[in-house]
Amino acid sequence: MKKVIIVYDSRTGHTEEMAQYIAEGLRFSGTEVELKKVNQIKKEQELEGYDGYIFGSPTYHKDMIGTMKTFLFLAQKAPLRDKLAGAFGSSTHSGEAPKLILDTMEYVFKMRPFSLGPFKLTEDNISTREGLKACQDYGKAFGEELQKL
C-alpha cells in the first residue's frame, strides 16, 4: 500500500479542514495517509518513507505563511527527489500559496508535480458540499496517480 504524508499549517482552521478531506480522498483511493502540522516535524528524517507528499498553507499577503517557509527549508534536506508532490491551501481572495509551494517542490526539491497541479479554495467555499467534495476528489486523484507509479 502506498503511503502519503500531508504536512500543513492553518491560521483559521480552513486549511486544516482541507487537509482532513484531502486525507479522506486519499483513503478512498486505498492510500495510507498521515496528517501532520508543520510544527510536528522537527527533523528531515521524519519525512522519509513516504511515496507521496502533499503540503498545504493558507495564503497570507499573497504568500505562504512563515511557518510553511520554515518547514520547506527543513524539507529541502530530506530525500524527496522524484516523489509525487501536491500542494493546497485556502485564501480569502488571491490564493498564491499552493502554487508557490508546488513550484518549490518541483524546481528546488526536484519532485514530480501532481498532474492536477496546486489546489486552492477560497474560505467561503471550503465548508460547502462542493468544497469538501473538491478536497476529497483532489486526494483521491492524487492517490490514484500514485498507485500507477
N, C-alpha and C. Protein backbone atom coordinates (compact mmCIF):
# COMPACT_ATOMS: atom_id res chain seq x y z
N MET A 1 0.85 -1.18 0.00
CA MET A 1 0.00 0.00 0.00
C MET A 1 0.89 1.24 0.00
N LYS A 2 0.57 2.18 -0.88
CA LYS A 2 1.31 3.45 -0.96
C LYS A 2 0.98 4.31 0.25
N LYS A 3 1.94 5.15 0.62
CA LYS A 3 1.80 5.96 1.82
C LYS A 3 2.12 7.42 1.50
N VAL A 4 1.24 8.32 1.97
CA VAL A 4 1.37 9.76 1.72
C VAL A 4 1.37 10.49 3.05
N ILE A 5 2.17 11.55 3.11
CA ILE A 5 2.11 12.44 4.25
C ILE A 5 1.58 13.80 3.78
N ILE A 6 0.65 14.32 4.55
CA ILE A 6 0.13 15.67 4.33
C ILE A 6 0.69 16.52 5.46
N VAL A 7 1.46 17.53 5.10
CA VAL A 7 2.01 18.46 6.09
C VAL A 7 1.42 19.83 5.77
N TYR A 8 0.86 20.46 6.79
CA TYR A 8 0.14 21.72 6.56
C TYR A 8 0.25 22.62 7.79
N ASP A 9 -0.14 23.86 7.60
CA ASP A 9 -0.39 24.74 8.73
C ASP A 9 -1.66 25.52 8.39
N SER A 10 -2.27 26.05 9.41
CA SER A 10 -3.57 26.69 9.25
C SER A 10 -3.69 27.83 10.25
N ARG A 11 -4.11 28.98 9.79
CA ARG A 11 -4.29 30.12 10.70
C ARG A 11 -5.68 30.14 11.31
N THR A 12 -6.68 29.78 10.53
CA THR A 12 -8.07 29.91 10.97
C THR A 12 -8.82 28.58 11.02
N GLY A 13 -8.14 27.50 10.65
CA GLY A 13 -8.78 26.19 10.62
C GLY A 13 -9.25 25.76 9.25
N HIS A 14 -9.29 26.67 8.29
CA HIS A 14 -9.78 26.32 6.95
C HIS A 14 -8.82 25.38 6.22
N THR A 15 -7.54 25.67 6.27
CA THR A 15 -6.56 24.80 5.59
C THR A 15 -6.50 23.44 6.29
N GLU A 16 -6.65 23.43 7.59
CA GLU A 16 -6.70 22.15 8.32
C GLU A 16 -7.91 21.32 7.88
N GLU A 17 -9.04 21.98 7.69
CA GLU A 17 -10.24 21.27 7.22
C GLU A 17 -9.99 20.68 5.83
N MET A 18 -9.33 21.46 4.98
CA MET A 18 -8.99 20.94 3.65
C MET A 18 -8.11 19.70 3.76
N ALA A 19 -7.10 19.77 4.64
CA ALA A 19 -6.17 18.64 4.82
C ALA A 19 -6.92 17.38 5.21
N GLN A 20 -7.88 17.52 6.10
CA GLN A 20 -8.63 16.35 6.57
C GLN A 20 -9.45 15.72 5.45
N TYR A 21 -10.05 16.54 4.59
CA TYR A 21 -10.85 16.00 3.50
C TYR A 21 -9.98 15.48 2.35
N ILE A 22 -8.82 16.08 2.14
CA ILE A 22 -7.88 15.53 1.16
C ILE A 22 -7.42 14.15 1.63
N ALA A 23 -7.14 14.03 2.93
CA ALA A 23 -6.74 12.73 3.50
C ALA A 23 -7.85 11.70 3.32
N GLU A 24 -9.08 12.11 3.50
CA GLU A 24 -10.20 11.19 3.30
C GLU A 24 -10.23 10.70 1.85
N GLY A 25 -10.02 11.60 0.91
CA GLY A 25 -9.97 11.22 -0.51
C GLY A 25 -8.84 10.24 -0.80
N LEU A 26 -7.69 10.46 -0.17
CA LEU A 26 -6.58 9.53 -0.32
C LEU A 26 -6.97 8.14 0.17
N ARG A 27 -7.65 8.10 1.30
CA ARG A 27 -8.09 6.81 1.85
C ARG A 27 -9.08 6.13 0.90
N PHE A 28 -9.94 6.92 0.25
CA PHE A 28 -10.88 6.35 -0.72
C PHE A 28 -10.13 5.64 -1.84
N SER A 29 -8.92 6.11 -2.17
CA SER A 29 -8.14 5.52 -3.25
C SER A 29 -7.32 4.31 -2.77
N GLY A 30 -7.43 3.97 -1.49
CA GLY A 30 -6.67 2.86 -0.95
C GLY A 30 -5.27 3.23 -0.53
N THR A 31 -5.04 4.50 -0.29
CA THR A 31 -3.73 5.01 0.09
C THR A 31 -3.69 5.24 1.60
N GLU A 32 -2.60 4.84 2.22
CA GLU A 32 -2.39 5.13 3.64
C GLU A 32 -1.94 6.59 3.76
N VAL A 33 -2.42 7.30 4.77
CA VAL A 33 -2.11 8.72 4.88
C VAL A 33 -1.84 9.12 6.32
N GLU A 34 -0.90 10.02 6.49
CA GLU A 34 -0.61 10.64 7.79
C GLU A 34 -0.76 12.14 7.63
N LEU A 35 -1.39 12.77 8.61
CA LEU A 35 -1.52 14.23 8.64
C LEU A 35 -0.64 14.77 9.76
N LYS A 36 0.12 15.82 9.44
CA LYS A 36 0.96 16.46 10.45
C LYS A 36 0.96 17.96 10.22
N LYS A 37 0.90 18.70 11.32
CA LYS A 37 1.09 20.15 11.23
C LYS A 37 2.59 20.40 11.11
N VAL A 38 2.96 21.49 10.48
CA VAL A 38 4.37 21.78 10.23
C VAL A 38 5.20 21.76 11.52
N ASN A 39 4.64 22.20 12.62
CA ASN A 39 5.41 22.25 13.87
C ASN A 39 5.63 20.87 14.50
N GLN A 40 5.00 19.84 13.95
CA GLN A 40 5.22 18.48 14.44
C GLN A 40 6.44 17.82 13.80
N ILE A 41 6.94 18.40 12.72
CA ILE A 41 8.11 17.86 12.02
C ILE A 41 9.34 18.63 12.51
N LYS A 42 10.21 17.92 13.21
CA LYS A 42 11.39 18.57 13.79
C LYS A 42 12.68 18.25 13.03
N LYS A 43 12.72 17.11 12.32
CA LYS A 43 13.92 16.68 11.61
C LYS A 43 13.53 16.19 10.22
N GLU A 44 14.41 16.39 9.26
CA GLU A 44 14.12 15.96 7.89
C GLU A 44 13.92 14.45 7.79
N GLN A 45 14.50 13.69 8.71
CA GLN A 45 14.33 12.23 8.70
C GLN A 45 12.87 11.82 8.91
N GLU A 46 12.10 12.68 9.52
CA GLU A 46 10.68 12.39 9.75
C GLU A 46 9.87 12.40 8.46
N LEU A 47 10.48 12.87 7.39
CA LEU A 47 9.81 12.92 6.09
C LEU A 47 10.18 11.72 5.21
N GLU A 48 10.99 10.83 5.72
CA GLU A 48 11.40 9.67 4.94
C GLU A 48 10.36 8.56 5.02
N GLY A 49 10.31 7.74 3.97
CA GLY A 49 9.46 6.56 3.98
C GLY A 49 8.08 6.74 3.37
N TYR A 50 7.85 7.84 2.70
CA TYR A 50 6.56 8.09 2.06
C TYR A 50 6.72 8.03 0.55
N ASP A 51 5.64 7.67 -0.11
CA ASP A 51 5.64 7.61 -1.58
C ASP A 51 5.18 8.92 -2.20
N GLY A 52 4.40 9.70 -1.46
CA GLY A 52 3.89 10.96 -1.95
C GLY A 52 3.82 11.99 -0.83
N TYR A 53 3.85 13.25 -1.23
CA TYR A 53 3.88 14.35 -0.28
C TYR A 53 2.91 15.44 -0.74
N ILE A 54 2.08 15.89 0.19
CA ILE A 54 1.17 17.00 -0.10
C ILE A 54 1.36 18.03 1.01
N PHE A 55 1.72 19.24 0.63
CA PHE A 55 1.97 20.30 1.60
C PHE A 55 0.90 21.38 1.43
N GLY A 56 0.43 21.95 2.55
CA GLY A 56 -0.63 22.94 2.48
C GLY A 56 -0.41 24.15 3.38
N SER A 57 -0.80 25.30 2.87
CA SER A 57 -0.67 26.55 3.61
C SER A 57 -1.74 27.53 3.14
N PRO A 58 -2.27 28.33 4.05
CA PRO A 58 -3.13 29.41 3.60
C PRO A 58 -2.28 30.49 2.93
N THR A 59 -2.92 31.31 2.12
CA THR A 59 -2.26 32.47 1.54
C THR A 59 -2.44 33.65 2.49
N TYR A 60 -1.34 34.31 2.76
CA TYR A 60 -1.36 35.49 3.63
C TYR A 60 -0.50 36.55 2.98
N HIS A 61 -1.08 37.66 2.64
CA HIS A 61 -0.39 38.74 1.92
C HIS A 61 0.30 38.21 0.66
N LYS A 62 -0.45 37.45 -0.13
CA LYS A 62 -0.01 36.90 -1.42
C LYS A 62 1.21 35.99 -1.31
N ASP A 63 1.33 35.30 -0.19
CA ASP A 63 2.45 34.40 0.05
C ASP A 63 1.99 33.28 0.97
N MET A 64 2.82 32.24 1.09
CA MET A 64 2.54 31.21 2.09
C MET A 64 2.89 31.79 3.47
N ILE A 65 2.35 31.19 4.51
CA ILE A 65 2.66 31.70 5.84
C ILE A 65 4.08 31.30 6.25
N GLY A 66 4.63 32.05 7.20
CA GLY A 66 6.03 31.88 7.60
C GLY A 66 6.38 30.50 8.09
N THR A 67 5.47 29.85 8.80
CA THR A 67 5.77 28.51 9.31
C THR A 67 5.96 27.51 8.17
N MET A 68 5.25 27.69 7.06
CA MET A 68 5.44 26.81 5.91
C MET A 68 6.78 27.08 5.26
N LYS A 69 7.19 28.33 5.17
CA LYS A 69 8.51 28.63 4.61
C LYS A 69 9.60 27.96 5.44
N THR A 70 9.51 28.08 6.74
CA THR A 70 10.48 27.45 7.63
C THR A 70 10.49 25.94 7.43
N PHE A 71 9.31 25.35 7.34
CA PHE A 71 9.21 23.91 7.10
C PHE A 71 9.87 23.52 5.78
N LEU A 72 9.66 24.30 4.73
CA LEU A 72 10.23 23.97 3.43
C LEU A 72 11.76 23.97 3.46
N PHE A 73 12.36 24.84 4.26
CA PHE A 73 13.82 24.81 4.41
C PHE A 73 14.26 23.49 5.03
N LEU A 74 13.51 23.00 5.99
CA LEU A 74 13.80 21.71 6.61
C LEU A 74 13.58 20.58 5.60
N ALA A 75 12.46 20.63 4.89
CA ALA A 75 12.11 19.58 3.93
C ALA A 75 13.13 19.48 2.80
N GLN A 76 13.78 20.58 2.47
CA GLN A 76 14.77 20.57 1.39
C GLN A 76 15.91 19.60 1.69
N LYS A 77 16.15 19.31 2.95
CA LYS A 77 17.24 18.41 3.34
C LYS A 77 16.83 16.93 3.25
N ALA A 78 15.54 16.66 3.09
CA ALA A 78 15.04 15.28 3.04
C ALA A 78 15.19 14.71 1.63
N PRO A 79 15.26 13.39 1.50
CA PRO A 79 15.38 12.76 0.18
C PRO A 79 14.02 12.68 -0.53
N LEU A 80 13.61 13.78 -1.15
CA LEU A 80 12.29 13.86 -1.77
C LEU A 80 12.34 13.78 -3.30
N ARG A 81 13.52 13.78 -3.87
CA ARG A 81 13.66 13.77 -5.34
C ARG A 81 12.81 12.67 -5.96
N ASP A 82 12.10 13.02 -7.03
CA ASP A 82 11.29 12.12 -7.85
C ASP A 82 10.02 11.59 -7.15
N LYS A 83 9.73 12.05 -5.96
CA LYS A 83 8.49 11.65 -5.27
C LYS A 83 7.34 12.50 -5.81
N LEU A 84 6.12 11.96 -5.77
CA LEU A 84 4.94 12.70 -6.23
C LEU A 84 4.63 13.82 -5.24
N ALA A 85 4.39 15.01 -5.77
CA ALA A 85 4.19 16.21 -4.95
C ALA A 85 2.87 16.89 -5.27
N GLY A 86 2.15 17.27 -4.23
CA GLY A 86 0.94 18.06 -4.37
C GLY A 86 0.95 19.20 -3.37
N ALA A 87 0.12 20.21 -3.61
CA ALA A 87 0.05 21.36 -2.71
C ALA A 87 -1.37 21.91 -2.71
N PHE A 88 -1.77 22.46 -1.56
CA PHE A 88 -3.11 23.01 -1.43
C PHE A 88 -3.11 24.17 -0.46
N GLY A 89 -4.20 24.90 -0.46
CA GLY A 89 -4.33 25.98 0.51
C GLY A 89 -5.63 26.74 0.36
N SER A 90 -5.89 27.51 1.38
CA SER A 90 -7.09 28.34 1.41
C SER A 90 -6.68 29.81 1.35
N SER A 91 -7.64 30.64 0.97
CA SER A 91 -7.38 32.07 0.91
C SER A 91 -8.70 32.82 0.98
N THR A 92 -8.59 34.10 1.24
CA THR A 92 -9.80 34.92 1.19
C THR A 92 -10.05 35.41 -0.23
N HIS A 93 -8.96 35.56 -1.02
CA HIS A 93 -9.18 36.05 -2.38
C HIS A 93 -8.13 35.62 -3.39
N SER A 94 -6.84 35.76 -3.13
CA SER A 94 -5.85 35.58 -4.20
C SER A 94 -5.29 34.17 -4.33
N GLY A 95 -4.91 33.51 -3.27
CA GLY A 95 -4.55 32.10 -3.30
C GLY A 95 -3.23 31.71 -3.92
N GLU A 96 -2.17 32.50 -3.73
CA GLU A 96 -0.87 32.18 -4.33
C GLU A 96 -0.11 31.04 -3.65
N ALA A 97 -0.35 30.77 -2.38
CA ALA A 97 0.47 29.83 -1.61
C ALA A 97 0.60 28.44 -2.24
N PRO A 98 -0.48 27.78 -2.67
CA PRO A 98 -0.31 26.42 -3.22
C PRO A 98 0.63 26.37 -4.42
N LYS A 99 0.55 27.34 -5.32
CA LYS A 99 1.45 27.35 -6.48
C LYS A 99 2.89 27.58 -6.05
N LEU A 100 3.11 28.48 -5.11
CA LEU A 100 4.47 28.72 -4.61
C LEU A 100 5.06 27.46 -3.99
N ILE A 101 4.24 26.76 -3.22
CA ILE A 101 4.71 25.52 -2.59
C ILE A 101 5.02 24.46 -3.64
N LEU A 102 4.11 24.25 -4.59
CA LEU A 102 4.34 23.22 -5.60
C LEU A 102 5.54 23.58 -6.48
N ASP A 103 5.72 24.85 -6.80
CA ASP A 103 6.91 25.26 -7.56
C ASP A 103 8.18 24.92 -6.79
N THR A 104 8.19 25.14 -5.49
CA THR A 104 9.35 24.80 -4.66
C THR A 104 9.58 23.30 -4.69
N MET A 105 8.52 22.53 -4.57
CA MET A 105 8.65 21.07 -4.59
C MET A 105 9.21 20.59 -5.93
N GLU A 106 8.74 21.20 -7.01
CA GLU A 106 9.18 20.77 -8.34
C GLU A 106 10.59 21.26 -8.68
N TYR A 107 10.84 22.53 -8.53
CA TYR A 107 12.08 23.12 -9.03
C TYR A 107 13.24 23.09 -8.04
N VAL A 108 12.95 23.15 -6.76
CA VAL A 108 14.02 23.12 -5.75
C VAL A 108 14.26 21.70 -5.26
N PHE A 109 13.17 20.99 -4.91
CA PHE A 109 13.31 19.64 -4.37
C PHE A 109 13.41 18.58 -5.47
N LYS A 110 13.12 18.95 -6.72
CA LYS A 110 13.16 18.03 -7.87
C LYS A 110 12.15 16.89 -7.73
N MET A 111 10.99 17.22 -7.22
CA MET A 111 9.91 16.25 -7.07
C MET A 111 9.07 16.23 -8.34
N ARG A 112 8.22 15.24 -8.47
CA ARG A 112 7.32 15.10 -9.61
C ARG A 112 5.99 15.77 -9.25
N PRO A 113 5.61 16.86 -9.94
CA PRO A 113 4.35 17.54 -9.59
C PRO A 113 3.13 16.71 -9.99
N PHE A 114 2.16 16.69 -9.13
CA PHE A 114 0.88 16.03 -9.37
C PHE A 114 0.24 16.64 -10.60
N SER A 115 -0.34 15.80 -11.45
CA SER A 115 -0.88 16.25 -12.74
C SER A 115 -1.98 17.31 -12.60
N LEU A 116 -2.72 17.31 -11.48
CA LEU A 116 -3.76 18.34 -11.31
C LEU A 116 -3.20 19.66 -10.82
N GLY A 117 -1.92 19.70 -10.49
CA GLY A 117 -1.29 20.94 -10.06
C GLY A 117 -1.69 21.33 -8.65
N PRO A 118 -1.48 22.62 -8.31
CA PRO A 118 -1.85 23.08 -6.98
C PRO A 118 -3.36 23.22 -6.85
N PHE A 119 -3.85 23.05 -5.64
CA PHE A 119 -5.29 23.10 -5.36
C PHE A 119 -5.56 24.19 -4.35
N LYS A 120 -6.48 25.08 -4.70
CA LYS A 120 -6.82 26.16 -3.77
C LYS A 120 -8.33 26.36 -3.73
N LEU A 121 -8.79 26.79 -2.57
CA LEU A 121 -10.19 27.14 -2.38
C LEU A 121 -10.26 28.43 -1.57
N THR A 122 -11.26 29.24 -1.87
CA THR A 122 -11.48 30.39 -1.00
C THR A 122 -12.18 29.90 0.26
N GLU A 123 -11.95 30.61 1.33
CA GLU A 123 -12.50 30.21 2.63
C GLU A 123 -14.02 30.06 2.59
N ASP A 124 -14.69 30.86 1.78
CA ASP A 124 -16.16 30.78 1.67
C ASP A 124 -16.62 29.45 1.09
N ASN A 125 -15.79 28.81 0.31
CA ASN A 125 -16.18 27.57 -0.38
C ASN A 125 -15.79 26.30 0.34
N ILE A 126 -14.88 26.38 1.30
CA ILE A 126 -14.33 25.16 1.91
C ILE A 126 -15.40 24.31 2.59
N SER A 127 -16.23 24.91 3.38
CA SER A 127 -17.21 24.13 4.15
C SER A 127 -18.48 23.80 3.38
N THR A 128 -18.55 24.18 2.12
CA THR A 128 -19.71 23.82 1.32
C THR A 128 -19.57 22.37 0.87
N ARG A 129 -20.67 21.80 0.47
CA ARG A 129 -20.64 20.42 -0.03
C ARG A 129 -19.69 20.29 -1.21
N GLU A 130 -19.73 21.28 -2.11
CA GLU A 130 -18.87 21.25 -3.29
C GLU A 130 -17.40 21.38 -2.91
N GLY A 131 -17.11 22.24 -1.94
CA GLY A 131 -15.74 22.44 -1.49
C GLY A 131 -15.16 21.19 -0.84
N LEU A 132 -15.95 20.57 0.02
CA LEU A 132 -15.48 19.35 0.68
C LEU A 132 -15.27 18.23 -0.34
N LYS A 133 -16.17 18.12 -1.30
CA LYS A 133 -16.02 17.10 -2.34
C LYS A 133 -14.80 17.39 -3.21
N ALA A 134 -14.55 18.66 -3.49
CA ALA A 134 -13.36 19.02 -4.28
C ALA A 134 -12.08 18.58 -3.56
N CYS A 135 -12.04 18.76 -2.25
CA CYS A 135 -10.89 18.31 -1.45
C CYS A 135 -10.75 16.80 -1.54
N GLN A 136 -11.85 16.10 -1.35
CA GLN A 136 -11.82 14.64 -1.43
C GLN A 136 -11.36 14.19 -2.82
N ASP A 137 -11.88 14.84 -3.84
CA ASP A 137 -11.52 14.48 -5.21
C ASP A 137 -10.03 14.69 -5.48
N TYR A 138 -9.47 15.78 -4.95
CA TYR A 138 -8.04 16.04 -5.11
C TYR A 138 -7.24 14.90 -4.47
N GLY A 139 -7.59 14.55 -3.25
CA GLY A 139 -6.90 13.46 -2.56
C GLY A 139 -7.04 12.14 -3.28
N LYS A 140 -8.25 11.84 -3.72
CA LYS A 140 -8.50 10.57 -4.42
C LYS A 140 -7.69 10.50 -5.71
N ALA A 141 -7.69 11.59 -6.48
CA ALA A 141 -6.95 11.61 -7.74
C ALA A 141 -5.45 11.50 -7.49
N PHE A 142 -4.96 12.13 -6.43
CA PHE A 142 -3.54 12.03 -6.07
C PHE A 142 -3.21 10.57 -5.76
N GLY A 143 -4.04 9.93 -4.95
CA GLY A 143 -3.81 8.53 -4.61
C GLY A 143 -3.85 7.63 -5.82
N GLU A 144 -4.78 7.87 -6.73
CA GLU A 144 -4.88 7.05 -7.94
C GLU A 144 -3.65 7.23 -8.84
N GLU A 145 -3.19 8.46 -8.94
CA GLU A 145 -1.98 8.71 -9.74
C GLU A 145 -0.77 8.03 -9.09
N LEU A 146 -0.70 8.10 -7.78
CA LEU A 146 0.42 7.48 -7.05
C LEU A 146 0.42 5.97 -7.23
N GLN A 147 -0.75 5.35 -7.28
CA GLN A 147 -0.84 3.90 -7.44
C GLN A 147 -0.27 3.46 -8.79
N LYS A 148 -0.30 4.33 -9.79
CA LYS A 148 0.20 3.99 -11.13
C LYS A 148 1.71 4.10 -11.24
N LEU A 149 2.34 4.74 -10.28
CA LEU A 149 3.81 4.94 -10.34
C LEU A 149 4.56 3.72 -9.86
